[in-house]
Protein backbone atom coordinates (compact mmCIF):
# COMPACT_ATOMS: atom_id res chain seq x y z
CA UNK A 1 19.34 -8.91 -1.74
CA UNK A 2 18.98 -8.02 -5.29
CA UNK A 3 15.46 -8.92 -7.13
CA UNK A 4 14.19 -9.27 -10.55
CA UNK A 5 11.14 -9.02 -11.52
CA UNK A 6 9.93 -10.31 -15.20
CA UNK A 7 7.43 -8.30 -16.72
CA UNK A 8 4.56 -9.02 -18.33
CA UNK A 9 3.74 -6.84 -21.74
CA UNK A 10 2.53 -7.15 -24.94
CA UNK A 11 6.25 -5.50 -26.42
CA UNK A 12 4.31 -2.00 -26.74
CA UNK A 13 3.34 -1.46 -23.02
CA UNK A 14 3.23 -2.76 -19.67
CA UNK A 15 0.26 -5.57 -18.20
CA UNK A 16 -1.01 -3.88 -15.03
CA UNK A 17 0.00 -6.90 -13.51
CA UNK A 18 3.96 -6.32 -13.54
CA UNK A 19 2.86 -3.36 -10.85
CA UNK A 20 1.78 -5.52 -8.72
CA UNK A 21 4.83 -7.79 -8.47
CA UNK A 22 6.83 -4.59 -8.30
CA UNK A 23 5.05 -4.00 -5.14
CA UNK A 24 5.53 -7.46 -3.69
CA UNK A 25 9.28 -6.92 -4.91
CA UNK A 26 9.21 -3.69 -2.71
CA UNK A 27 8.06 -5.82 0.62
CA UNK A 28 10.59 -8.27 0.05
CA UNK A 29 12.92 -5.21 -0.01
CA UNK A 30 16.29 -4.46 -2.21
CA UNK A 31 17.54 -3.61 -5.42
CA UNK A 32 14.82 -4.26 -7.59
CA UNK A 33 15.31 -4.72 -11.36
CA UNK A 34 12.98 -5.67 -14.60
CA UNK A 35 13.72 -7.82 -17.23
CA UNK A 36 11.34 -7.06 -20.30
CA UNK A 37 11.56 -9.75 -23.00
CA UNK A 38 10.28 -8.95 -26.46
CA UNK A 39 10.99 -8.29 -30.17
CA UNK A 40 10.88 -4.80 -30.77
CA UNK A 41 9.74 -3.89 -26.75
CA UNK A 42 11.49 -0.82 -26.49
CA UNK A 43 8.52 0.96 -25.72
CA UNK A 44 7.42 -1.73 -22.85
CA UNK A 45 11.12 -1.19 -21.64
CA UNK A 46 10.93 2.74 -21.32
CA UNK A 47 7.32 2.03 -19.85
CA UNK A 48 9.09 -0.03 -17.42
CA UNK A 49 11.80 2.98 -16.15
CA UNK A 50 9.05 4.97 -15.14
CA UNK A 51 7.71 2.09 -12.88
CA UNK A 52 8.09 3.52 -9.09
CA UNK A 53 11.22 2.04 -7.23
CA UNK A 54 12.56 -0.12 -9.96
CA UNK A 55 16.42 0.65 -10.38
CA UNK A 56 17.29 -1.18 -13.63
CA UNK A 57 15.41 -2.34 -16.88
CA UNK A 58 16.85 -4.75 -18.35
CA UNK A 59 15.87 -5.94 -22.00
CA UNK A 60 16.01 -8.22 -24.29
CA UNK A 61 14.81 -7.34 -27.96
CA UNK A 62 15.33 -10.60 -29.94
CA UNK A 63 12.10 -12.39 -31.97
CA UNK A 64 12.81 -15.36 -30.41
CA UNK A 65 11.21 -13.62 -27.30
CA UNK A 66 8.85 -12.00 -29.49
CA UNK A 67 5.74 -14.18 -28.17
CA UNK A 68 7.33 -15.05 -24.95
CA UNK A 69 7.54 -18.40 -25.49
CA UNK A 70 8.07 -20.52 -22.31
CA UNK A 71 10.92 -22.63 -23.37
CA UNK A 72 12.98 -19.84 -24.75
CA UNK A 73 12.10 -16.80 -21.83
CA UNK A 74 12.53 -19.73 -19.22
CA UNK A 75 16.42 -20.06 -20.71
CA UNK A 76 17.16 -16.60 -20.58
CA UNK A 77 16.13 -16.39 -16.89
CA UNK A 78 18.34 -18.85 -15.59
CA UNK A 79 20.58 -17.31 -17.26
CA UNK A 80 20.76 -14.11 -15.76
CA UNK A 81 19.05 -14.73 -12.56
CA UNK A 82 21.45 -17.22 -10.99
CA UNK A 83 22.43 -13.07 -10.07
CA UNK A 84 19.65 -12.44 -8.08
CA UNK A 85 18.54 -13.35 -4.53
CA UNK A 86 14.50 -13.48 -5.84
CA UNK A 87 13.30 -13.85 -9.46
CA UNK A 88 9.66 -12.62 -9.52
CA UNK A 89 6.75 -13.18 -12.04
CA UNK A 90 3.26 -12.31 -12.47
CA UNK A 91 0.69 -15.19 -11.23
CA UNK A 92 -0.95 -14.95 -15.06
CA UNK A 93 -1.03 -18.35 -17.63
CA UNK A 94 2.51 -16.24 -19.03
CA UNK A 95 3.64 -16.37 -15.40
CA UNK A 96 3.04 -19.85 -14.17
CA UNK A 97 4.40 -20.98 -17.95
CA UNK A 98 7.68 -19.71 -17.41
CA UNK A 99 8.59 -19.85 -13.48
CA UNK A 100 8.70 -23.81 -13.11
CA UNK A 101 11.09 -24.06 -15.99
CA UNK A 102 13.34 -21.48 -15.26
CA UNK A 103 13.51 -22.64 -11.73
CA UNK A 104 13.90 -26.30 -13.07
CA UNK A 105 16.98 -24.61 -14.79
CA UNK A 106 18.20 -23.50 -11.96
CA UNK A 107 17.71 -26.23 -9.66
CA UNK A 108 15.31 -24.66 -6.76
CA UNK A 109 11.80 -24.31 -5.69
CA UNK A 110 9.34 -22.61 -7.50
CA UNK A 111 7.26 -20.84 -4.83
CA UNK A 112 3.69 -20.00 -6.59
CA UNK A 113 0.82 -17.46 -5.84
CA UNK A 114 1.89 -15.74 -2.72
CA UNK A 115 -0.24 -13.32 -1.34
CA UNK A 116 2.23 -11.57 1.47
CA UNK A 117 5.39 -11.34 2.32
CA UNK A 118 6.53 -12.25 5.39
CA UNK A 119 10.25 -11.93 5.26
CA UNK A 120 12.87 -12.51 2.69
CA UNK A 121 12.24 -15.98 2.54
CA UNK A 122 9.13 -16.54 4.10
CA UNK A 123 5.86 -15.97 2.14
CA UNK A 124 2.30 -17.04 2.73
CA UNK A 125 0.08 -18.54 -0.47
CA UNK A 126 -3.00 -20.54 -0.05
CA UNK A 127 -3.96 -23.82 -0.85
CA UNK A 128 -6.81 -25.65 -0.41
CA UNK A 129 -8.90 -23.61 -3.07
CA UNK A 130 -8.00 -21.05 -0.42
CA UNK A 131 -9.59 -22.79 2.66
CA UNK A 132 -6.16 -22.98 4.29
CA UNK A 133 -3.20 -19.86 4.08
CA UNK A 134 0.32 -21.71 4.08
CA UNK A 135 3.54 -19.93 5.26
CA UNK A 136 6.49 -21.81 3.01
CA UNK A 137 9.91 -20.66 4.28
CA UNK A 138 12.66 -20.83 1.47
CA UNK A 139 16.87 -21.83 2.04
CA UNK A 140 17.23 -21.98 -2.09
CA UNK A 141 20.01 -19.43 -2.69
CA UNK A 142 17.50 -17.95 -5.47
CA UNK A 143 14.09 -17.79 -4.92
CA UNK A 144 11.39 -18.23 -7.63
CA UNK A 145 8.13 -16.91 -7.06
CA UNK A 146 4.45 -15.99 -8.66
CA UNK A 147 2.85 -12.89 -7.03
CA UNK A 148 -0.43 -13.12 -7.03
CA UNK A 149 -1.77 -9.80 -8.09
CA UNK A 150 -4.87 -9.15 -6.15
CA UNK A 151 -3.38 -9.61 -3.07
CA UNK A 152 -0.97 -6.28 -3.64
CA UNK A 153 -1.87 -2.81 -4.37
CA UNK A 154 0.14 -1.80 -7.72
CA UNK A 155 2.81 0.60 -7.40
CA UNK A 156 2.94 4.00 -9.69
CA UNK A 157 3.73 3.07 -12.81
CA UNK A 158 5.05 7.30 -13.15
CA UNK A 159 7.76 8.34 -11.01
CA UNK A 160 10.89 6.16 -11.60
CA UNK A 161 13.63 7.33 -13.35
CA UNK A 162 15.53 3.52 -14.36
CA UNK A 163 18.87 2.98 -16.56
CA UNK A 164 18.11 1.00 -19.37
CA UNK A 165 20.14 -1.92 -20.25
CA UNK A 166 20.45 -3.72 -23.69
CA UNK A 167 21.04 -7.49 -23.34
CA UNK A 168 22.61 -9.47 -25.95
CA UNK A 169 21.54 -12.54 -25.02
CA UNK A 170 19.77 -14.99 -27.29
CA UNK A 171 17.77 -18.17 -26.01
CA UNK A 172 16.27 -20.21 -28.66
CA UNK A 173 15.63 -23.36 -27.19
CA UNK A 174 14.49 -24.68 -30.88
CA UNK A 175 11.32 -26.99 -29.43
CA UNK A 176 8.74 -24.89 -30.04
CA UNK A 177 7.32 -22.48 -31.85
CA UNK A 178 4.19 -19.69 -32.50
CA UNK A 179 1.59 -20.61 -35.15
CA UNK A 180 -0.78 -17.88 -34.07
CA UNK A 181 -4.04 -16.45 -31.82
CA UNK A 182 -7.24 -15.70 -31.58
CA UNK A 183 -7.91 -12.80 -29.50
CA UNK A 184 -11.38 -12.23 -28.06
CA UNK A 185 -12.06 -7.97 -28.74
CA UNK A 186 -14.16 -6.42 -25.91
CA UNK A 187 -14.76 -2.84 -25.60
CA UNK A 188 -15.32 -4.11 -21.67
CA UNK A 189 -12.51 -3.39 -19.51
CA UNK A 190 -10.32 -6.80 -18.88
CA UNK A 191 -11.39 -9.37 -15.73
CA UNK A 192 -8.54 -9.31 -14.10
CA UNK A 193 -8.09 -5.25 -13.81
CA UNK A 194 -12.39 -4.02 -13.95
CA UNK A 195 -13.76 -2.52 -10.72
CA UNK A 196 -16.55 -4.15 -10.93
CA UNK A 197 -17.09 -7.57 -12.57
CA UNK A 198 -20.75 -9.04 -12.71
CA UNK A 199 -20.36 -12.64 -13.33
CA UNK A 200 -23.12 -15.54 -14.68
CA UNK A 201 -23.00 -19.35 -13.27
CA UNK A 202 -25.36 -22.28 -14.58
CA UNK A 203 -28.47 -20.59 -14.03
CA UNK A 204 -28.18 -18.39 -16.87
CA UNK A 205 -29.06 -21.73 -18.54
CA UNK A 206 -27.76 -21.26 -21.61
CA UNK A 207 -25.01 -18.40 -23.49
CA UNK A 208 -27.92 -16.08 -25.66
CA UNK A 209 -29.09 -15.50 -21.55
CA UNK A 210 -26.21 -13.56 -20.46
CA UNK A 211 -26.77 -10.99 -23.30
CA UNK A 212 -28.79 -9.97 -19.92
CA UNK A 213 -25.51 -10.04 -17.98
CA UNK A 214 -23.71 -7.87 -20.97
CA UNK A 215 -26.01 -4.98 -20.91
CA UNK A 216 -25.90 -4.24 -17.55
CA UNK A 217 -22.58 -4.71 -17.84
CA UNK A 218 -22.23 -2.06 -20.23
CA UNK A 219 -24.35 0.04 -18.39
CA UNK A 220 -21.46 -0.36 -15.23
CA UNK A 221 -18.56 -0.17 -17.13
CA UNK A 222 -18.01 -3.61 -15.75
CA UNK A 223 -16.39 -6.84 -16.91
CA UNK A 224 -18.26 -9.89 -17.16
CA UNK A 225 -16.97 -13.33 -16.27
CA UNK A 226 -18.34 -16.68 -15.56
CA UNK A 227 -18.58 -19.97 -12.93
CA UNK A 228 -16.48 -23.01 -14.40
CA UNK A 229 -20.08 -24.77 -14.31
CA UNK A 230 -21.36 -22.52 -17.35
CA UNK A 231 -17.97 -21.93 -19.28
CA UNK A 232 -17.99 -26.34 -18.89
CA UNK A 233 -21.55 -25.96 -20.34
CA UNK A 234 -20.37 -23.96 -23.25
CA UNK A 235 -22.39 -21.30 -22.48
CA UNK A 236 -19.07 -18.50 -23.08
CA UNK A 237 -15.59 -19.11 -23.78
CA UNK A 238 -12.92 -20.17 -21.20
CA UNK A 239 -11.56 -16.71 -20.70
CA UNK A 240 -14.27 -15.34 -18.85
CA UNK A 241 -14.16 -18.12 -15.93
CA UNK A 242 -13.54 -16.43 -12.23
CA UNK A 243 -12.03 -19.59 -9.92
CA UNK A 244 -8.86 -21.44 -9.00
CA UNK A 245 -8.82 -22.68 -12.86
CA UNK A 246 -9.75 -19.58 -14.06
CA UNK A 247 -8.67 -16.00 -13.20
CA UNK A 248 -8.53 -14.63 -9.81
CA UNK A 249 -10.22 -11.02 -9.12
CA UNK A 250 -10.42 -8.70 -6.55
CA UNK A 251 -12.85 -6.01 -7.85
CA UNK A 252 -14.49 -3.37 -5.71
CA UNK A 253 -17.80 -4.58 -6.63
CA UNK A 254 -18.57 -8.43 -7.55
CA UNK A 255 -22.25 -9.78 -8.56
CA UNK A 256 -22.57 -13.02 -8.93
CA UNK A 257 -25.37 -14.15 -10.70
CA UNK A 258 -27.09 -17.52 -10.63
CA UNK A 259 -23.84 -19.13 -9.24
CA UNK A 260 -24.53 -21.40 -6.29
CA UNK A 261 -20.68 -20.70 -4.73
CA UNK A 262 -18.48 -23.93 -5.72
CA UNK A 263 -15.56 -23.52 -3.49
CA UNK A 264 -13.85 -23.57 -7.07
CA UNK A 265 -15.18 -20.30 -7.89
CA UNK A 266 -14.94 -18.51 -4.35
CA UNK A 267 -10.96 -19.33 -4.46
CA UNK A 268 -11.08 -16.95 -7.40
CA UNK A 269 -13.62 -13.65 -5.85
CA UNK A 270 -14.08 -14.04 -2.11
CA UNK A 271 -11.36 -11.02 -1.95
CA UNK A 272 -13.28 -8.89 -3.92
CA UNK A 273 -14.26 -5.29 -1.53
CA UNK A 274 -18.46 -6.07 -1.63
CA UNK A 275 -20.16 -9.37 -2.93
CA UNK A 276 -23.66 -9.16 -4.16
CA UNK A 277 -25.62 -12.64 -4.81
CA UNK A 278 -28.63 -13.27 -6.87
CA UNK A 279 -29.81 -16.58 -6.57
CA UNK A 280 -32.99 -18.29 -6.28
CA UNK A 281 -31.75 -20.99 -3.60
CA UNK A 282 -31.85 -19.61 -0.31
CA UNK A 283 -29.55 -22.36 0.27
CA UNK A 284 -26.54 -21.67 -1.81
CA UNK A 285 -23.47 -21.42 -0.36
CA UNK A 286 -22.81 -18.22 -2.26
CA UNK A 287 -24.77 -16.49 0.35
CA UNK A 288 -22.24 -17.22 3.35
CA UNK A 289 -19.65 -14.99 1.58
CA UNK A 290 -21.92 -12.41 0.17
CA UNK A 291 -22.08 -8.72 1.99
CA UNK A 292 -25.17 -8.88 0.06
CA UNK A 293 -27.55 -11.53 -0.70
CA UNK A 294 -31.02 -11.20 -2.83
CA UNK A 295 -33.25 -14.53 -2.72
CA UNK A 296 -34.91 -14.07 -6.25
CA UNK A 297 -35.19 -15.59 -9.98
CA UNK A 298 -32.41 -13.95 -12.13
CA UNK A 299 -34.42 -13.54 -14.70
CA UNK A 300 -37.00 -11.36 -13.17
CA UNK A 301 -33.40 -9.44 -10.86
CA UNK A 302 -31.44 -8.64 -13.88
CA UNK A 303 -34.48 -6.90 -16.16
CA UNK A 304 -35.44 -4.99 -13.38
CA UNK A 305 -31.61 -4.35 -12.20
CA UNK A 306 -31.07 -3.23 -15.86
CA UNK A 307 -34.22 -1.12 -16.09
CA UNK A 308 -32.65 0.87 -12.59
CA UNK A 309 -29.64 1.62 -13.37
């Protein structure tokens, strides 16, 4: 079997999600190659070559792939992907954007968000907001999968010595163009990579009150998230959303503040190692999944927590 892992990167370095996808590839078994598509991305290619378990790195370095537009990268993946038995993407917004396009071009079915490898053709994935785990078997010649990173422990970023091969293929669909981006800058760790996450919900009442969580997070070295209700209410930007339609997290410690525990939110954080819930409603569903629960007014509890750290 031959497996192609599509690297998530910023042209200079690999995103940690790539290491989780390689771990899933190792669980399938077979020869693992990594595709790095970008512009001036030699550094990312060299980083991929050092990843444990990778036998070869394919580098497609061209301006057409500079911002990893799905319309362009999917053409490249489909072009070279027919030579592999499996094509794996991280289940990030970027991976979920490219994978179904590449699968359609290959005329196969994409299987999204796998959390377990049962065999080379059988995988488990959550459905119904994680309340049911489906076992899916595919008979497609090429299996296109997105991998939920929190379900697999990432392989070592060092220790490998894969060969690096440059690809001459240039695929520009000519139907989309990169216009610009606005990136939120923060000294706090990324939500999906943080070992501690503290999230606020509708109970925070407004965006200004999230300052309480930021202060606690800065002392703990934590990332700050939010429920969909808080995002929809305009308290915080949507890149902070944790949940089925937001970011999937599985930190060592997850603190839910003023979050009732809707199914949509639980689907994004219930794999956390330890869950702490603070809510004044003792009947809130969040307490059913919490390891520790505090029935209290968050406006009293959070300042006390900050002062005790």
